[in-house]
Each structure stands twice: as structure tokens, then as C-alpha cells.
Amino acid sequence: MARIVSLGSALQDVYLIDHDDLVATKIGDNAIFGKVLVGSKVDIDRLSYEVGGGGINSAITFSRHGHEAIFMGNVARDPAGAAIIRTLDREGVDTSYINYLERKTTGTSVILLDTQSGERTILTCRGASEQFGNFSEDDLDLTQPDWLYVTTLRGDMDTLKRFFKKAHEIGAKVMFNPGVRELENARELVGLLKYVSILNVNKSEASKIVPGVMLSELVYRLNNYVDTVIITDGSMGGIASNGAEVYRFGIYEDRKVKDATGAGDAFGSGFLAHLADGKSFRSSLIFASANSTAVVSKIGANRGILTGDEPLHPMPIQKL
């Protein structure tokens, strides 16, 4: 068992679920929810209240896997914040390092879900999860984690640097899944990679950090900065290298997607949860893919998260 701190966002996700009005309509390379007209009233089949956010989703993965999971994030003293705390308490996640922000609301997403394709449009008010500068890296001295798992901090490069440096000082390893705002500061991001043990990005994100088109060249170039690199490529699977082993992998199962929300979080945190349990690099990639598949098979960003005790079947994975 490892002690893992998840630093990231906490959101309440409110799903609007409908079988015919929220249907994606293709327009060129894009799609819109074509039956929702301005000024109209639309009857929705049902609502589903969930919790999500990169910090929440990863902490639940670690806890279900049997690790000591600690969540660091911001909420407000409102019903959405209370729902998040209840969920984390039920999942066995340590919530003692959560900060309550005054004059803010807990981050909330309204998700328009196309039940036919599993695709969605997300309307987000980040509220308390808009900022992270109020967190002190000295909290890592108190938690003494084996791993620090970080998702997007909305481009707060100063907080990222403070936490990454502190993790390095106390001997904790860092796994990082940057977001859009961090990738907009690619030069600063590259400077932080010296503190990172595992970098998890998709193909488009990787190409914003280093030049390249092919997965093989992207992973090779990123390996110059980070020991272990995982690059996902949607339905095409992905590639991963830890410097000694390189694997090209496909998807775990071609299963109907009910809701794509949280798929990336499930993959990244699933990989670390398995690896921190002493499993092999290859086995951890398989579990990560299985975890992601399980999550997209249910509505909600973390309802389908696995425990690590489930029997896994073979999947396309090749050592290069």
C-alpha cells in the first residue's frame, strides 16, 4: 500500500440526460446538440447528480485500489461541497486537507449527455476550483506521501513548481497529467518536468510540449525529460515508455460508451494505482486501460472505477 496525495479540482457534475433532444448532429468535422433551440423549453428524461474533477476521480481510484488516498482541493460550504465530502468519506479518502473558500461556490458542471454516443458537452463554473494558490506545499511535510498525483491546476505554474519541488525534497515521486492551461505555458511546463517521474498526456497534448507527429517520436523526445511517459490516442490506444521498456497498446474492450467523462483520469490514476501496488509496467498499462473502459461504461466520472481485484482479460499490447 502506498500513500498518494491527489491535488486537483473538485466538482459536482449535474447530468441532463435525454434520449432524443440531446442528440449530437454532425456539422462538418464538428457536432452540436441540434434539437435544442434558443428560446425553447426542453423536457429532460432525467437528472443524475455525481461528483467529479481530476483530483476527486484519481483519489477515488487510489482508495478503491487499497492505497491511502489524500485529496487536496478547494470546495465551498454549500450543498455541492457537502455532496463531495460525503462521497469522499464513503470512499475512504482523507479529506482533512480540503480547503473551504469563502465567497465562492463549489465548482459545478452541467453535462449535456448524448445517450446514443456517450459524447457530451460540459458547461462548467469552476468556482472554488478556479484557484490553487491558497495551498501550502508544506502540507506535504505533514502527509509524507510516496506519490503526488497532479491534474490541471488551471495554469497555476507557481503552485505546481512549489509542490513539485517540495515533493522532490521529501523523496515523493510525481505523476503529472497537465491540462490546457499548463500546455499554454509549454516553456515553463518543460522546466517542471525535471521533477516529474511519470507524465501522462494525449497525443495532441504531447505535440504541444515537443515537436513530432508519430507516437514513437513523441514518446522518445519526452523521454529526454521524464523517465516514464504515457501518450494516449483515443480509440487507437497509445504508447508508453519507462526508458527500459516501450509498449504500443490498443483499447481494452470495444464496449459501448455511455459517458466519456473521466476516461483520462481513470487511465492515469489506474496506471499509478497498479504500479504503486508493485505491479509491472506492462500490467499497469493493462489495468489503466481496463479502468478507463469500466468508467466510460457508466454515467458519472468515477462510478465504474475498478478495485484492482477484478480478473482482467488480455488486450492488444506489444513490446517494441
Protein backbone atom coordinates (compact mmCIF):
# COMPACT_ATOMS: atom_id res chain seq x y z
CA MET A 1 0.00 0.00 0.00
CA ALA A 2 1.22 3.48 -0.88
CA ARG A 3 0.27 6.91 0.41
CA ILE A 4 -0.85 9.08 -2.51
CA VAL A 5 -1.85 12.74 -2.48
CA SER A 6 -4.20 13.89 -5.26
CA LEU A 7 -4.00 17.62 -5.92
CA GLY A 8 -6.65 18.95 -8.28
CA SER A 9 -10.21 20.03 -8.85
CA ALA A 10 -13.43 19.01 -7.12
CA LEU A 11 -16.73 19.42 -8.96
CA GLN A 12 -20.33 18.43 -8.68
CA ASP A 13 -21.50 17.09 -12.03
CA VAL A 14 -25.17 17.53 -12.89
CA TYR A 15 -26.14 15.38 -15.86
CA LEU A 16 -29.04 16.30 -18.13
CA ILE A 17 -29.96 13.00 -19.77
CA ASP A 18 -32.37 12.72 -22.67
CA HIS A 19 -32.83 10.10 -25.38
CA ASP A 20 -33.95 12.32 -28.26
CA ASP A 21 -33.47 16.07 -27.69
CA LEU A 22 -29.79 15.84 -26.69
CA VAL A 23 -28.65 14.03 -29.82
CA ALA A 24 -25.41 15.12 -31.47
CA THR A 25 -25.79 16.38 -35.05
CA LYS A 26 -22.72 16.38 -37.28
CA ILE A 27 -21.76 19.64 -38.98
CA GLY A 28 -18.57 19.12 -40.93
CA ASP A 29 -15.88 17.92 -38.51
CA ASN A 30 -17.89 19.05 -35.50
CA ALA A 31 -21.16 18.12 -33.82
CA ILE A 32 -23.81 20.11 -31.97
CA PHE A 33 -26.86 19.22 -29.92
CA GLY A 34 -29.07 20.08 -32.86
CA LYS A 35 -32.56 19.84 -31.35
CA VAL A 36 -32.08 22.39 -28.58
CA LEU A 37 -33.33 25.70 -29.97
CA VAL A 38 -32.78 29.12 -28.45
CA GLY A 39 -35.90 30.24 -26.59
CA SER A 40 -37.40 26.75 -26.43
CA LYS A 41 -38.34 24.64 -23.44
CA VAL A 42 -36.94 21.12 -23.50
CA ASP A 43 -38.20 18.29 -21.31
CA ILE A 44 -35.33 16.19 -19.99
CA ASP A 45 -35.82 12.48 -19.25
CA ARG A 46 -33.84 12.52 -16.01
CA LEU A 47 -31.11 14.14 -13.94
CA SER A 48 -28.12 12.48 -12.34
CA TYR A 49 -26.11 14.17 -9.61
CA GLU A 50 -22.49 12.97 -9.49
CA VAL A 51 -19.14 14.27 -8.29
CA GLY A 52 -16.02 14.62 -10.39
CA GLY A 53 -12.94 16.66 -11.15
CA GLY A 54 -9.44 15.31 -11.72
CA GLY A 55 -8.46 15.38 -8.06
CA ILE A 56 -11.62 13.62 -6.93
CA ASN A 57 -11.59 10.94 -9.63
CA SER A 58 -7.96 10.00 -9.02
CA ALA A 59 -8.33 9.91 -5.23
CA ILE A 60 -11.26 7.50 -5.56
CA THR A 61 -9.20 5.24 -7.82
CA PHE A 62 -6.35 5.12 -5.33
CA SER A 63 -8.63 4.44 -2.38
CA ARG A 64 -10.57 1.68 -4.13
CA HIS A 65 -7.26 0.08 -5.04
CA GLY A 66 -6.36 -0.12 -1.35
CA HIS A 67 -3.94 2.80 -1.14
CA GLU A 68 -4.04 5.57 1.46
CA ALA A 69 -5.60 8.34 -0.61
CA ILE A 70 -5.46 12.01 0.43
CA PHE A 71 -7.29 14.71 -1.53
CA MET A 72 -6.15 18.33 -1.65
CA GLY A 73 -8.58 20.72 -3.30
CA ASN A 74 -10.99 23.58 -2.73
CA VAL A 75 -14.73 23.46 -2.08
CA ALA A 76 -17.25 25.86 -0.57
CA ARG A 77 -19.65 25.42 2.31
CA ASP A 78 -22.65 24.69 0.13
CA PRO A 79 -24.72 21.62 -0.85
CA ALA A 80 -22.35 20.73 -3.71
CA GLY A 81 -19.37 20.84 -1.36
CA ALA A 82 -21.23 18.69 1.16
CA ALA A 83 -22.00 16.13 -1.57
CA ILE A 84 -18.31 15.93 -2.45
CA ILE A 85 -17.28 15.43 1.18
CA ARG A 86 -19.92 12.71 1.65
CA THR A 87 -18.68 10.87 -1.42
CA LEU A 88 -15.02 11.03 -0.38
CA ASP A 89 -15.88 9.90 3.16
CA ARG A 90 -17.82 6.96 1.75
CA GLU A 91 -14.87 6.07 -0.48
CA GLY A 92 -12.39 6.22 2.41
CA VAL A 93 -10.45 9.22 1.08
CA ASP A 94 -8.74 11.51 3.62
CA THR A 95 -10.48 14.92 3.39
CA SER A 96 -8.61 16.69 6.18
CA TYR A 97 -6.57 18.76 3.70
CA ILE A 98 -9.55 20.21 1.85
CA ASN A 99 -9.80 23.99 1.98
CA TYR A 100 -13.14 25.79 2.28
CA LEU A 101 -13.22 29.04 0.34
CA GLU A 102 -15.47 31.88 1.43
CA ARG A 103 -17.49 33.92 -1.08
CA LYS A 104 -17.15 31.09 -3.59
CA THR A 105 -19.38 28.27 -4.73
CA THR A 106 -18.16 24.71 -5.16
CA GLY A 107 -17.22 24.01 -8.76
CA THR A 108 -20.17 22.68 -10.73
CA SER A 109 -20.56 21.22 -14.20
CA VAL A 110 -23.81 20.83 -16.11
CA ILE A 111 -23.30 17.99 -18.58
CA LEU A 112 -25.49 17.56 -21.66
CA LEU A 113 -25.21 13.85 -22.42
CA ASP A 114 -25.97 12.18 -25.74
CA THR A 115 -27.00 8.71 -24.59
CA GLN A 116 -26.61 7.30 -28.09
CA SER A 117 -22.90 8.08 -28.48
CA GLY A 118 -21.75 8.81 -24.92
CA GLU A 119 -20.42 12.17 -26.06
CA ARG A 120 -21.22 15.25 -24.03
CA THR A 121 -20.98 18.99 -23.79
CA ILE A 122 -19.85 20.29 -20.40
CA LEU A 123 -20.79 23.71 -19.03
CA THR A 124 -18.56 24.41 -16.04
CA CYS A 125 -18.50 27.07 -13.34
CA ARG A 126 -15.24 26.25 -11.59
CA GLY A 127 -15.91 28.38 -8.53
CA ALA A 128 -13.65 27.23 -5.70
CA SER A 129 -11.69 25.00 -8.11
CA GLU A 130 -10.63 28.01 -10.17
CA GLN A 131 -7.62 28.68 -7.92
CA PHE A 132 -4.98 26.70 -6.05
CA GLY A 133 -2.54 29.33 -4.81
CA ASN A 134 -4.01 29.11 -1.31
CA PHE A 135 -2.46 25.66 -0.82
CA SER A 136 0.82 25.30 1.00
CA GLU A 137 3.41 22.83 -0.20
CA ASP A 138 4.35 22.38 3.46
CA ASP A 139 1.30 20.14 3.77
CA LEU A 140 3.41 17.51 2.01
CA ASP A 141 5.70 17.54 5.05
CA LEU A 142 2.67 16.52 7.11
CA THR A 143 1.27 13.90 4.74
CA GLN A 144 4.65 12.42 3.72
CA PRO A 145 3.27 10.83 0.54
CA ASP A 146 5.01 8.23 -1.58
CA TRP A 147 3.39 9.82 -4.65
CA LEU A 148 1.96 13.20 -5.57
CA TYR A 149 -0.61 12.89 -8.36
CA VAL A 150 -1.46 16.20 -10.00
CA THR A 151 -4.04 17.05 -12.63
CA THR A 152 -4.57 20.52 -14.05
CA LEU A 153 -4.22 23.46 -11.67
CA ARG A 154 -5.67 25.86 -14.24
CA GLY A 155 -2.25 27.06 -15.34
CA ASP A 156 -1.01 27.98 -11.85
CA MET A 157 2.63 27.29 -12.66
CA ASP A 158 3.86 28.81 -9.39
CA THR A 159 1.83 26.37 -7.26
CA LEU A 160 2.91 23.48 -9.47
CA LYS A 161 6.56 24.43 -9.02
CA ARG A 162 6.20 24.80 -5.24
CA PHE A 163 4.58 21.39 -4.86
CA PHE A 164 6.89 19.61 -7.30
CA LYS A 165 10.00 20.98 -5.61
CA LYS A 166 8.70 20.05 -2.16
CA ALA A 167 7.85 16.53 -3.36
CA HIS A 168 11.39 16.20 -4.68
CA GLU A 169 12.82 17.42 -1.35
CA ILE A 170 10.91 14.86 0.73
CA GLY A 171 11.51 11.99 -1.69
CA ALA A 172 7.96 11.72 -3.07
CA LYS A 173 7.54 10.87 -6.75
CA VAL A 174 5.30 12.94 -9.01
CA MET A 175 2.84 11.83 -11.69
CA PHE A 176 1.50 14.72 -13.75
CA ASN A 177 -1.44 14.99 -16.13
CA PRO A 178 -1.33 18.62 -17.36
CA GLY A 179 -4.33 20.45 -18.73
CA VAL A 180 -4.95 23.08 -21.41
CA ARG A 181 -3.77 25.99 -19.26
CA GLU A 182 -0.46 24.31 -18.39
CA LEU A 183 0.12 23.45 -22.03
CA GLU A 184 -0.32 27.12 -22.93
CA ASN A 185 2.84 27.69 -20.86
CA ALA A 186 4.86 24.98 -22.60
CA ARG A 187 8.25 26.54 -21.82
CA GLU A 188 7.52 26.71 -18.09
CA LEU A 189 6.00 23.25 -18.25
CA VAL A 190 9.16 21.76 -19.71
CA GLY A 191 11.12 23.34 -16.87
CA LEU A 192 8.94 21.48 -14.34
CA LEU A 193 9.40 18.07 -15.95
CA LYS A 194 12.71 17.52 -14.15
CA TYR A 195 10.63 16.91 -11.00
CA VAL A 196 8.18 14.53 -12.72
CA SER A 197 8.55 10.73 -12.64
CA ILE A 198 5.53 9.90 -14.81
CA LEU A 199 3.97 12.16 -17.46
CA ASN A 200 0.53 11.25 -18.81
CA VAL A 201 -0.73 13.17 -21.87
CA ASN A 202 -2.70 12.52 -25.03
CA LYS A 203 -1.20 12.77 -28.50
CA SER A 204 -2.35 16.33 -29.11
CA GLU A 205 -1.00 17.46 -25.74
CA ALA A 206 2.34 15.74 -26.31
CA SER A 207 2.80 17.59 -29.60
CA LYS A 208 2.42 20.90 -27.74
CA ILE A 209 5.35 20.05 -25.48
CA VAL A 210 7.79 18.57 -28.02
CA PRO A 211 7.82 18.53 -31.83
CA GLY A 212 6.59 15.42 -33.56
CA VAL A 213 3.70 13.71 -35.31
CA MET A 214 4.20 9.99 -34.74
CA LEU A 215 3.61 8.50 -31.30
CA SER A 216 7.04 6.89 -31.37
CA GLU A 217 8.89 10.17 -31.91
CA LEU A 218 6.78 12.00 -29.33
CA VAL A 219 7.43 9.42 -26.62
CA TYR A 220 11.15 9.29 -27.50
CA ARG A 221 11.51 13.07 -27.20
CA LEU A 222 9.53 13.30 -23.98
CA ASN A 223 11.69 10.54 -22.50
CA ASN A 224 14.54 13.05 -22.62
CA TYR A 225 12.72 14.97 -19.88
CA VAL A 226 10.76 12.32 -17.95
CA ASP A 227 11.66 8.71 -17.12
CA THR A 228 8.17 7.34 -17.76
CA VAL A 229 5.89 8.74 -20.45
CA ILE A 230 2.38 7.61 -21.40
CA ILE A 231 0.72 9.03 -24.51
CA THR A 232 -2.87 8.05 -25.24
CA ASP A 233 -4.55 8.35 -28.62
CA GLY A 234 -8.25 7.73 -28.07
CA SER A 235 -9.64 4.64 -29.77
CA MET A 236 -6.18 3.99 -31.25
CA GLY A 237 -4.80 3.13 -27.81
CA GLY A 238 -1.42 4.70 -27.14
CA ILE A 239 2.26 4.25 -26.42
CA ALA A 240 4.24 4.17 -23.18
CA SER A 241 7.91 4.06 -22.27
CA ASN A 242 9.78 3.87 -18.97
CA GLY A 243 13.19 4.16 -20.62
CA ALA A 244 13.80 0.41 -20.50
CA GLU A 245 10.53 -0.86 -21.98
CA VAL A 246 8.33 0.60 -24.72
CA TYR A 247 4.79 -0.67 -25.34
CA ARG A 248 2.29 0.09 -28.06
CA PHE A 249 -1.19 -0.74 -26.81
CA GLY A 250 -4.76 -0.76 -28.08
CA ILE A 251 -8.02 -0.39 -26.18
CA TYR A 252 -9.05 -2.87 -23.51
CA GLU A 253 -12.52 -3.56 -24.91
CA ASP A 254 -14.62 -2.23 -27.77
CA ARG A 255 -17.51 -1.51 -25.40
CA LYS A 256 -20.39 0.94 -25.90
CA VAL A 257 -19.53 4.28 -24.35
CA LYS A 258 -22.28 5.57 -22.07
CA ASP A 259 -20.35 8.60 -20.83
CA ALA A 260 -16.81 9.60 -21.79
CA THR A 261 -16.40 11.87 -18.74
CA GLY A 262 -13.45 10.88 -16.56
CA ALA A 263 -11.88 8.45 -19.03
CA GLY A 264 -8.50 10.17 -18.94
CA ASP A 265 -8.48 10.44 -15.15
CA ALA A 266 -9.35 6.74 -14.88
CA PHE A 267 -6.48 5.78 -17.17
CA GLY A 268 -3.80 7.86 -15.47
CA SER A 269 -4.79 7.13 -11.88
CA GLY A 270 -5.43 3.48 -12.73
CA PHE A 271 -1.89 3.16 -14.03
CA LEU A 272 -0.36 4.67 -10.89
CA ALA A 273 -2.65 2.71 -8.55
CA HIS A 274 -1.48 -0.57 -10.08
CA LEU A 275 2.19 0.44 -10.37
CA ALA A 276 2.29 1.64 -6.75
CA ASP A 277 0.95 -1.79 -5.79
CA GLY A 278 4.19 -3.31 -7.08
CA LYS A 279 2.80 -4.48 -10.41
CA SER A 280 4.81 -4.45 -13.63
CA PHE A 281 4.87 -1.63 -16.16
CA ARG A 282 3.00 -3.78 -18.70
CA SER A 283 0.40 -4.96 -16.21
CA SER A 284 -0.20 -1.39 -15.06
CA LEU A 285 -0.92 -0.28 -18.63
CA ILE A 286 -3.48 -3.07 -19.00
CA PHE A 287 -5.18 -2.14 -15.74
CA ALA A 288 -5.22 1.54 -16.74
CA SER A 289 -6.99 0.66 -19.97
CA ALA A 290 -9.45 -1.61 -18.16
CA ASN A 291 -10.17 1.11 -15.58
CA SER A 292 -10.87 3.65 -18.30
CA THR A 293 -13.15 1.22 -20.14
CA ALA A 294 -15.08 0.48 -16.94
CA VAL A 295 -15.60 4.19 -16.25
CA VAL A 296 -16.99 5.05 -19.70
CA SER A 297 -19.43 2.15 -19.38
CA LYS A 298 -21.34 4.01 -16.64
CA ILE A 299 -22.75 7.50 -16.27
CA GLY A 300 -20.50 9.52 -13.97
CA ALA A 301 -16.78 10.14 -13.91
CA ASN A 302 -15.97 7.59 -11.19
CA ARG A 303 -18.87 5.14 -10.68
CA GLY A 304 -17.15 2.48 -12.76
CA ILE A 305 -13.69 2.72 -11.17
CA LEU A 306 -12.21 -0.71 -10.50
CA THR A 307 -10.67 -2.03 -7.28
CA GLY A 308 -7.77 -3.97 -8.77
CA ASP A 309 -9.19 -7.32 -7.66
CA GLU A 310 -11.16 -7.90 -10.88
CA PRO A 311 -9.89 -10.58 -13.29
CA LEU A 312 -8.57 -8.92 -16.44
CA HIS A 313 -8.55 -10.47 -19.88
CA PRO A 314 -5.76 -9.99 -22.47
CA MET A 315 -5.73 -6.88 -24.65
CA PRO A 316 -3.68 -5.74 -27.66
CA ILE A 317 -0.27 -4.72 -26.28
CA GLN A 318 3.09 -5.14 -27.96
CA LYS A 319 6.60 -4.56 -26.69
CA LEU A 320 8.63 -2.51 -29.19
